[in-house]
Amino acid sequence: MDVLTAGAVQQARRQGESWAAISRALHISPDHAQKLYARSLTDRKIQRAAALRGTPQTTVTQQQSTQPSSAQPGGSRQRQELAGLLSRQQRASGLTLRRLGRLTGVTPSYLSRVLCGDKFPSWQLVERFVSACGGDPDEVQELWREGKLRR
């Protein structure tokens, strides 16, 4: 079942589903879903299961590389990459979402949706967020631009 779930999660991600939507379907938190079903981990699970059955298996990564990057609607890959980067910065800073909300001028709920990849933030918000976490906004600006262009 774990291999089937991993495959279903990766298929949903390729179709542009957010971690929040996937986590609701699995009844787990978005962070937990991202950790359990990261692409590299799910690829290994699928390959290991295929090897046990003696079946040749194309990896999820190989399947994705045959699709144009525009196959992901609305720049979801960039949105997810930006969300992951911001999430790591938030965890490294030790600041709570409530505190970051006060520092950035948005609600903790909205920040949570940004960190899950459900919402694409404005540059002003990214700049305030990264600065509040002690990072350099210039380091994330290119990733933000790519996501904005794809939207």
N, C-alpha and C. Protein backbone atom coordinates (compact mmCIF):
# COMPACT_ATOMS: atom_id res chain seq x y z
N MET A 1 0.83 -1.20 0.00
CA MET A 1 0.00 0.00 0.00
C MET A 1 0.87 1.26 0.00
N ASP A 2 1.99 1.17 0.71
CA ASP A 2 2.87 2.34 0.79
C ASP A 2 3.39 2.73 -0.60
N VAL A 3 3.71 1.73 -1.40
CA VAL A 3 4.23 2.01 -2.75
C VAL A 3 3.12 2.61 -3.62
N LEU A 4 1.92 2.08 -3.50
CA LEU A 4 0.80 2.62 -4.27
C LEU A 4 0.49 4.06 -3.86
N THR A 5 0.53 4.30 -2.56
CA THR A 5 0.30 5.66 -2.06
C THR A 5 1.39 6.60 -2.56
N ALA A 6 2.63 6.15 -2.51
CA ALA A 6 3.75 6.97 -2.99
C ALA A 6 3.56 7.31 -4.46
N GLY A 7 3.17 6.33 -5.26
CA GLY A 7 2.93 6.59 -6.68
C GLY A 7 1.78 7.55 -6.90
N ALA A 8 0.71 7.39 -6.12
CA ALA A 8 -0.44 8.29 -6.25
C ALA A 8 -0.07 9.72 -5.85
N VAL A 9 0.73 9.86 -4.80
CA VAL A 9 1.17 11.19 -4.37
C VAL A 9 2.01 11.84 -5.46
N GLN A 10 2.94 11.11 -6.03
CA GLN A 10 3.78 11.69 -7.09
C GLN A 10 2.96 12.05 -8.32
N GLN A 11 1.97 11.24 -8.64
CA GLN A 11 1.11 11.56 -9.78
C GLN A 11 0.32 12.84 -9.49
N ALA A 12 -0.18 12.98 -8.28
CA ALA A 12 -0.91 14.18 -7.89
C ALA A 12 -0.01 15.41 -7.96
N ARG A 13 1.24 15.27 -7.52
CA ARG A 13 2.19 16.39 -7.58
C ARG A 13 2.47 16.80 -9.02
N ARG A 14 2.62 15.80 -9.91
CA ARG A 14 2.86 16.11 -11.32
C ARG A 14 1.68 16.85 -11.93
N GLN A 15 0.50 16.61 -11.41
CA GLN A 15 -0.70 17.26 -11.92
C GLN A 15 -0.95 18.61 -11.25
N GLY A 16 -0.02 19.03 -10.40
CA GLY A 16 -0.09 20.36 -9.81
C GLY A 16 -0.82 20.44 -8.48
N GLU A 17 -1.14 19.31 -7.88
CA GLU A 17 -1.81 19.34 -6.57
C GLU A 17 -0.85 19.85 -5.51
N SER A 18 -1.38 20.61 -4.59
CA SER A 18 -0.55 21.15 -3.50
C SER A 18 -0.36 20.11 -2.42
N TRP A 19 0.68 20.32 -1.60
CA TRP A 19 0.92 19.43 -0.48
C TRP A 19 -0.24 19.51 0.50
N ALA A 20 -0.87 20.67 0.61
CA ALA A 20 -2.00 20.82 1.52
C ALA A 20 -3.15 19.91 1.10
N ALA A 21 -3.45 19.89 -0.20
CA ALA A 21 -4.54 19.04 -0.70
C ALA A 21 -4.20 17.56 -0.51
N ILE A 22 -2.97 17.20 -0.80
CA ILE A 22 -2.54 15.80 -0.65
C ILE A 22 -2.59 15.39 0.82
N SER A 23 -2.12 16.28 1.69
CA SER A 23 -2.11 15.94 3.11
C SER A 23 -3.52 15.78 3.66
N ARG A 24 -4.47 16.59 3.15
CA ARG A 24 -5.87 16.42 3.58
C ARG A 24 -6.38 15.04 3.18
N ALA A 25 -6.06 14.62 1.97
CA ALA A 25 -6.51 13.31 1.49
C ALA A 25 -5.89 12.17 2.31
N LEU A 26 -4.66 12.36 2.77
CA LEU A 26 -3.97 11.33 3.53
C LEU A 26 -4.18 11.45 5.04
N HIS A 27 -4.84 12.54 5.47
CA HIS A 27 -5.11 12.80 6.88
C HIS A 27 -3.81 12.94 7.68
N ILE A 28 -2.86 13.68 7.09
CA ILE A 28 -1.61 14.00 7.77
C ILE A 28 -1.29 15.46 7.51
N SER A 29 -0.31 16.02 8.20
CA SER A 29 0.05 17.42 8.00
C SER A 29 0.82 17.57 6.69
N PRO A 30 0.78 18.78 6.09
CA PRO A 30 1.53 19.02 4.86
C PRO A 30 3.03 18.77 5.01
N ASP A 31 3.61 19.17 6.15
CA ASP A 31 5.04 18.93 6.38
C ASP A 31 5.35 17.44 6.41
N HIS A 32 4.49 16.69 7.08
CA HIS A 32 4.69 15.25 7.18
C HIS A 32 4.55 14.60 5.79
N ALA A 33 3.59 15.07 5.02
CA ALA A 33 3.40 14.53 3.66
C ALA A 33 4.65 14.80 2.81
N GLN A 34 5.19 16.01 2.91
CA GLN A 34 6.39 16.35 2.14
C GLN A 34 7.57 15.47 2.53
N LYS A 35 7.70 15.19 3.81
CA LYS A 35 8.82 14.37 4.28
C LYS A 35 8.64 12.92 3.86
N LEU A 36 7.42 12.38 4.02
CA LEU A 36 7.17 10.98 3.70
C LEU A 36 7.22 10.69 2.20
N TYR A 37 6.77 11.67 1.41
CA TYR A 37 6.60 11.42 -0.02
C TYR A 37 7.45 12.35 -0.89
N ALA A 38 8.63 12.70 -0.40
CA ALA A 38 9.57 13.46 -1.22
C ALA A 38 9.89 12.63 -2.46
N ARG A 39 10.13 13.29 -3.56
CA ARG A 39 10.33 12.60 -4.84
C ARG A 39 11.42 11.54 -4.76
N SER A 40 12.55 11.87 -4.15
CA SER A 40 13.65 10.90 -4.08
C SER A 40 13.27 9.66 -3.28
N LEU A 41 12.52 9.85 -2.20
CA LEU A 41 12.11 8.70 -1.39
C LEU A 41 11.09 7.84 -2.12
N THR A 42 10.14 8.48 -2.76
CA THR A 42 9.12 7.70 -3.47
C THR A 42 9.70 6.98 -4.67
N ASP A 43 10.63 7.61 -5.36
CA ASP A 43 11.29 6.93 -6.48
C ASP A 43 11.97 5.64 -5.99
N ARG A 44 12.66 5.73 -4.85
CA ARG A 44 13.34 4.56 -4.32
C ARG A 44 12.34 3.47 -3.92
N LYS A 45 11.24 3.87 -3.31
CA LYS A 45 10.22 2.88 -2.92
C LYS A 45 9.68 2.16 -4.14
N ILE A 46 9.39 2.91 -5.17
CA ILE A 46 8.83 2.32 -6.39
C ILE A 46 9.86 1.41 -7.06
N GLN A 47 11.11 1.86 -7.13
CA GLN A 47 12.15 1.05 -7.75
C GLN A 47 12.40 -0.23 -6.95
N ARG A 48 12.40 -0.12 -5.63
CA ARG A 48 12.61 -1.29 -4.78
C ARG A 48 11.47 -2.31 -4.97
N ALA A 49 10.24 -1.82 -5.03
CA ALA A 49 9.11 -2.72 -5.23
C ALA A 49 9.17 -3.38 -6.60
N ALA A 50 9.57 -2.62 -7.62
CA ALA A 50 9.69 -3.18 -8.96
C ALA A 50 10.79 -4.23 -9.02
N ALA A 51 11.89 -3.98 -8.31
CA ALA A 51 13.00 -4.94 -8.30
C ALA A 51 12.58 -6.25 -7.62
N LEU A 52 11.80 -6.14 -6.56
CA LEU A 52 11.33 -7.33 -5.87
C LEU A 52 10.42 -8.18 -6.76
N ARG A 53 9.67 -7.51 -7.62
CA ARG A 53 8.78 -8.22 -8.52
C ARG A 53 9.48 -8.64 -9.80
N GLY A 54 10.69 -8.11 -10.04
CA GLY A 54 11.41 -8.43 -11.26
C GLY A 54 10.84 -7.70 -12.47
N THR A 55 10.17 -6.58 -12.23
CA THR A 55 9.54 -5.81 -13.28
C THR A 55 10.37 -4.58 -13.58
N PRO A 56 10.70 -4.33 -14.86
CA PRO A 56 11.38 -3.06 -15.14
C PRO A 56 10.44 -1.91 -14.85
N GLN A 57 10.97 -0.88 -14.24
CA GLN A 57 10.12 0.25 -13.83
C GLN A 57 10.78 1.56 -14.22
N THR A 58 10.04 2.41 -14.91
CA THR A 58 10.50 3.75 -15.21
C THR A 58 10.28 4.59 -13.97
N THR A 59 11.27 5.33 -13.57
CA THR A 59 11.13 6.12 -12.35
C THR A 59 10.26 7.33 -12.59
N VAL A 60 9.72 7.83 -11.52
CA VAL A 60 8.89 9.02 -11.59
C VAL A 60 9.68 10.18 -12.18
N THR A 61 10.95 10.30 -11.77
CA THR A 61 11.79 11.37 -12.28
C THR A 61 11.96 11.25 -13.79
N GLN A 62 12.18 10.04 -14.29
CA GLN A 62 12.32 9.87 -15.73
C GLN A 62 11.03 10.21 -16.44
N GLN A 63 9.89 9.83 -15.87
CA GLN A 63 8.62 10.16 -16.48
C GLN A 63 8.42 11.66 -16.52
N GLN A 64 8.82 12.36 -15.47
CA GLN A 64 8.64 13.80 -15.44
C GLN A 64 9.55 14.49 -16.45
N SER A 65 10.74 13.95 -16.66
CA SER A 65 11.65 14.63 -17.57
C SER A 65 11.16 14.61 -18.99
N THR A 66 10.23 13.70 -19.33
CA THR A 66 9.69 13.67 -20.68
C THR A 66 8.58 14.69 -20.86
N GLN A 67 8.08 15.26 -19.75
CA GLN A 67 7.04 16.26 -19.84
C GLN A 67 7.68 17.63 -19.85
N PRO A 68 7.16 18.56 -20.67
CA PRO A 68 7.69 19.92 -20.62
C PRO A 68 7.40 20.54 -19.27
N SER A 69 8.28 21.45 -18.83
CA SER A 69 8.09 22.06 -17.52
C SER A 69 6.80 22.86 -17.47
N SER A 70 6.28 23.26 -18.62
CA SER A 70 5.04 24.00 -18.63
C SER A 70 3.84 23.11 -18.37
N ALA A 71 4.06 21.78 -18.26
CA ALA A 71 2.96 20.87 -17.98
C ALA A 71 2.44 21.06 -16.56
N GLN A 72 3.22 21.72 -15.72
CA GLN A 72 2.75 21.99 -14.37
C GLN A 72 2.08 23.36 -14.39
N PRO A 73 0.79 23.39 -14.08
CA PRO A 73 0.03 24.63 -14.21
C PRO A 73 0.47 25.70 -13.23
N GLY A 74 0.44 26.94 -13.71
CA GLY A 74 0.65 28.08 -12.83
C GLY A 74 2.00 28.15 -12.17
N GLY A 75 3.03 27.53 -12.74
CA GLY A 75 4.34 27.59 -12.13
C GLY A 75 4.38 26.88 -10.80
N SER A 76 3.64 25.77 -10.68
CA SER A 76 3.54 25.10 -9.38
C SER A 76 4.88 24.58 -8.91
N ARG A 77 5.77 24.18 -9.84
CA ARG A 77 7.08 23.70 -9.41
C ARG A 77 7.84 24.82 -8.72
N GLN A 78 7.84 26.02 -9.32
CA GLN A 78 8.53 27.15 -8.71
C GLN A 78 7.85 27.55 -7.40
N ARG A 79 6.51 27.49 -7.38
CA ARG A 79 5.78 27.83 -6.16
C ARG A 79 6.17 26.87 -5.04
N GLN A 80 6.27 25.58 -5.36
CA GLN A 80 6.64 24.59 -4.34
C GLN A 80 8.09 24.76 -3.91
N GLU A 81 8.98 25.07 -4.86
CA GLU A 81 10.39 25.29 -4.50
C GLU A 81 10.52 26.50 -3.59
N LEU A 82 9.81 27.58 -3.94
CA LEU A 82 9.85 28.78 -3.11
C LEU A 82 9.27 28.48 -1.73
N ALA A 83 8.16 27.76 -1.70
CA ALA A 83 7.54 27.40 -0.42
C ALA A 83 8.50 26.58 0.44
N GLY A 84 9.17 25.63 -0.17
CA GLY A 84 10.14 24.81 0.57
C GLY A 84 11.29 25.63 1.11
N LEU A 85 11.79 26.54 0.29
CA LEU A 85 12.89 27.39 0.72
C LEU A 85 12.46 28.28 1.88
N LEU A 86 11.29 28.90 1.76
CA LEU A 86 10.81 29.77 2.84
C LEU A 86 10.53 28.97 4.10
N SER A 87 10.00 27.77 3.94
CA SER A 87 9.72 26.92 5.08
C SER A 87 11.01 26.56 5.82
N ARG A 88 12.04 26.22 5.07
CA ARG A 88 13.33 25.90 5.71
C ARG A 88 13.89 27.11 6.44
N GLN A 89 13.74 28.30 5.85
CA GLN A 89 14.24 29.51 6.51
C GLN A 89 13.46 29.78 7.80
N GLN A 90 12.15 29.55 7.75
CA GLN A 90 11.34 29.77 8.95
C GLN A 90 11.76 28.82 10.05
N ARG A 91 11.96 27.55 9.73
CA ARG A 91 12.37 26.58 10.74
C ARG A 91 13.74 26.91 11.30
N ALA A 92 14.66 27.30 10.41
CA ALA A 92 16.02 27.63 10.85
C ALA A 92 16.04 28.86 11.76
N SER A 93 15.13 29.79 11.52
CA SER A 93 15.10 31.02 12.32
C SER A 93 14.54 30.78 13.72
N GLY A 94 13.73 29.72 13.86
CA GLY A 94 13.11 29.45 15.15
C GLY A 94 11.90 30.32 15.44
N LEU A 95 11.49 31.14 14.47
CA LEU A 95 10.34 32.02 14.66
C LEU A 95 9.04 31.26 14.39
N THR A 96 8.03 31.53 15.18
CA THR A 96 6.72 30.92 14.95
C THR A 96 6.02 31.67 13.82
N LEU A 97 5.00 31.03 13.28
CA LEU A 97 4.22 31.70 12.23
C LEU A 97 3.51 32.93 12.79
N ARG A 98 3.08 32.84 14.02
CA ARG A 98 2.42 33.99 14.65
C ARG A 98 3.38 35.18 14.72
N ARG A 99 4.61 34.92 15.15
CA ARG A 99 5.61 36.00 15.25
C ARG A 99 5.96 36.52 13.85
N LEU A 100 6.15 35.62 12.90
CA LEU A 100 6.45 36.04 11.53
C LEU A 100 5.30 36.83 10.94
N GLY A 101 4.08 36.46 11.28
CA GLY A 101 2.92 37.21 10.81
C GLY A 101 2.95 38.64 11.29
N ARG A 102 3.31 38.82 12.56
CA ARG A 102 3.42 40.18 13.09
C ARG A 102 4.53 40.96 12.40
N LEU A 103 5.65 40.28 12.15
CA LEU A 103 6.79 40.95 11.53
C LEU A 103 6.57 41.29 10.06
N THR A 104 5.77 40.47 9.38
CA THR A 104 5.56 40.67 7.94
C THR A 104 4.25 41.38 7.62
N GLY A 105 3.36 41.47 8.59
CA GLY A 105 2.10 42.17 8.36
C GLY A 105 1.02 41.34 7.69
N VAL A 106 1.12 40.01 7.77
CA VAL A 106 0.08 39.13 7.24
C VAL A 106 -0.31 38.13 8.32
N THR A 107 -1.43 37.47 8.11
CA THR A 107 -1.90 36.51 9.12
C THR A 107 -1.06 35.24 9.10
N PRO A 108 -0.95 34.58 10.25
CA PRO A 108 -0.25 33.28 10.29
C PRO A 108 -0.90 32.27 9.34
N SER A 109 -2.21 32.35 9.19
CA SER A 109 -2.93 31.44 8.29
C SER A 109 -2.45 31.62 6.85
N TYR A 110 -2.32 32.87 6.42
CA TYR A 110 -1.84 33.13 5.06
C TYR A 110 -0.40 32.64 4.90
N LEU A 111 0.44 32.90 5.90
CA LEU A 111 1.82 32.42 5.84
C LEU A 111 1.86 30.90 5.72
N SER A 112 0.98 30.23 6.44
CA SER A 112 0.92 28.78 6.36
C SER A 112 0.59 28.32 4.95
N ARG A 113 -0.34 29.00 4.30
CA ARG A 113 -0.69 28.64 2.92
C ARG A 113 0.45 28.92 1.95
N VAL A 114 1.22 29.96 2.22
CA VAL A 114 2.40 30.24 1.39
C VAL A 114 3.43 29.14 1.59
N LEU A 115 3.66 28.74 2.84
CA LEU A 115 4.67 27.72 3.13
C LEU A 115 4.26 26.33 2.66
N CYS A 116 2.97 26.12 2.46
CA CYS A 116 2.49 24.84 1.91
C CYS A 116 2.48 24.85 0.38
N GLY A 117 2.67 26.02 -0.21
CA GLY A 117 2.65 26.11 -1.66
C GLY A 117 1.28 26.37 -2.23
N ASP A 118 0.29 26.63 -1.37
CA ASP A 118 -1.06 26.92 -1.86
C ASP A 118 -1.18 28.32 -2.43
N LYS A 119 -0.42 29.25 -1.89
CA LYS A 119 -0.46 30.65 -2.31
C LYS A 119 0.92 31.08 -2.78
N PHE A 120 0.93 31.95 -3.80
CA PHE A 120 2.19 32.52 -4.27
C PHE A 120 2.28 33.93 -3.71
N PRO A 121 3.30 34.22 -2.90
CA PRO A 121 3.38 35.52 -2.22
C PRO A 121 3.90 36.63 -3.13
N SER A 122 3.59 37.86 -2.73
CA SER A 122 4.14 39.03 -3.43
C SER A 122 5.63 39.12 -3.09
N TRP A 123 6.35 39.87 -3.90
CA TRP A 123 7.77 40.04 -3.63
C TRP A 123 7.98 40.77 -2.31
N GLN A 124 7.11 41.74 -2.01
CA GLN A 124 7.25 42.49 -0.76
C GLN A 124 7.14 41.55 0.44
N LEU A 125 6.21 40.61 0.37
CA LEU A 125 6.06 39.66 1.47
C LEU A 125 7.28 38.75 1.57
N VAL A 126 7.77 38.27 0.44
CA VAL A 126 8.96 37.40 0.45
C VAL A 126 10.14 38.15 1.05
N GLU A 127 10.30 39.38 0.64
CA GLU A 127 11.41 40.20 1.13
C GLU A 127 11.32 40.38 2.65
N ARG A 128 10.13 40.72 3.15
CA ARG A 128 9.96 40.90 4.60
C ARG A 128 10.15 39.58 5.34
N PHE A 129 9.62 38.50 4.77
CA PHE A 129 9.71 37.18 5.40
C PHE A 129 11.16 36.74 5.54
N VAL A 130 11.90 36.80 4.43
CA VAL A 130 13.29 36.35 4.44
C VAL A 130 14.13 37.22 5.37
N SER A 131 13.91 38.51 5.33
CA SER A 131 14.65 39.42 6.23
C SER A 131 14.34 39.11 7.69
N ALA A 132 13.08 38.87 8.00
CA ALA A 132 12.69 38.55 9.39
C ALA A 132 13.35 37.25 9.86
N CYS A 133 13.56 36.33 8.93
CA CYS A 133 14.20 35.05 9.27
C CYS A 133 15.72 35.15 9.31
N GLY A 134 16.25 36.33 8.98
CA GLY A 134 17.69 36.52 9.03
C GLY A 134 18.40 36.15 7.74
N GLY A 135 17.65 36.00 6.65
CA GLY A 135 18.25 35.62 5.36
C GLY A 135 18.43 36.82 4.46
N ASP A 136 18.97 36.56 3.28
CA ASP A 136 19.21 37.59 2.28
C ASP A 136 18.15 37.45 1.18
N PRO A 137 17.25 38.44 1.04
CA PRO A 137 16.20 38.36 0.03
C PRO A 137 16.73 38.21 -1.40
N ASP A 138 17.91 38.74 -1.67
CA ASP A 138 18.47 38.63 -3.01
C ASP A 138 18.70 37.17 -3.42
N GLU A 139 18.90 36.29 -2.43
CA GLU A 139 19.16 34.88 -2.74
C GLU A 139 17.91 34.15 -3.23
N VAL A 140 16.73 34.68 -2.93
CA VAL A 140 15.50 34.01 -3.36
C VAL A 140 14.79 34.75 -4.48
N GLN A 141 15.31 35.91 -4.85
CA GLN A 141 14.61 36.75 -5.82
C GLN A 141 14.47 36.07 -7.18
N GLU A 142 15.49 35.38 -7.65
CA GLU A 142 15.41 34.72 -8.96
C GLU A 142 14.36 33.62 -8.96
N LEU A 143 14.31 32.84 -7.91
CA LEU A 143 13.29 31.79 -7.80
C LEU A 143 11.90 32.41 -7.77
N TRP A 144 11.73 33.50 -7.04
CA TRP A 144 10.44 34.18 -6.99
C TRP A 144 10.06 34.69 -8.38
N ARG A 145 11.02 35.28 -9.09
CA ARG A 145 10.74 35.80 -10.45
C ARG A 145 10.29 34.68 -11.39
N GLU A 146 10.96 33.55 -11.34
CA GLU A 146 10.59 32.42 -12.20
C GLU A 146 9.16 31.99 -11.92
N GLY A 147 8.81 31.91 -10.64
CA GLY A 147 7.45 31.54 -10.28
C GLY A 147 6.44 32.57 -10.73
N LYS A 148 6.79 33.83 -10.63
CA LYS A 148 5.90 34.92 -11.04
C LYS A 148 5.69 34.88 -12.54
N LEU A 149 6.75 34.65 -13.30
CA LEU A 149 6.64 34.58 -14.76
C LEU A 149 5.77 33.42 -15.21
N ARG A 150 5.86 32.29 -14.52
CA ARG A 150 5.07 31.11 -14.88
C ARG A 150 3.60 31.27 -14.55
N ARG A 151 3.31 32.16 -13.60
CA ARG A 151 1.92 32.40 -13.23
C ARG A 151 1.28 33.17 -14.35
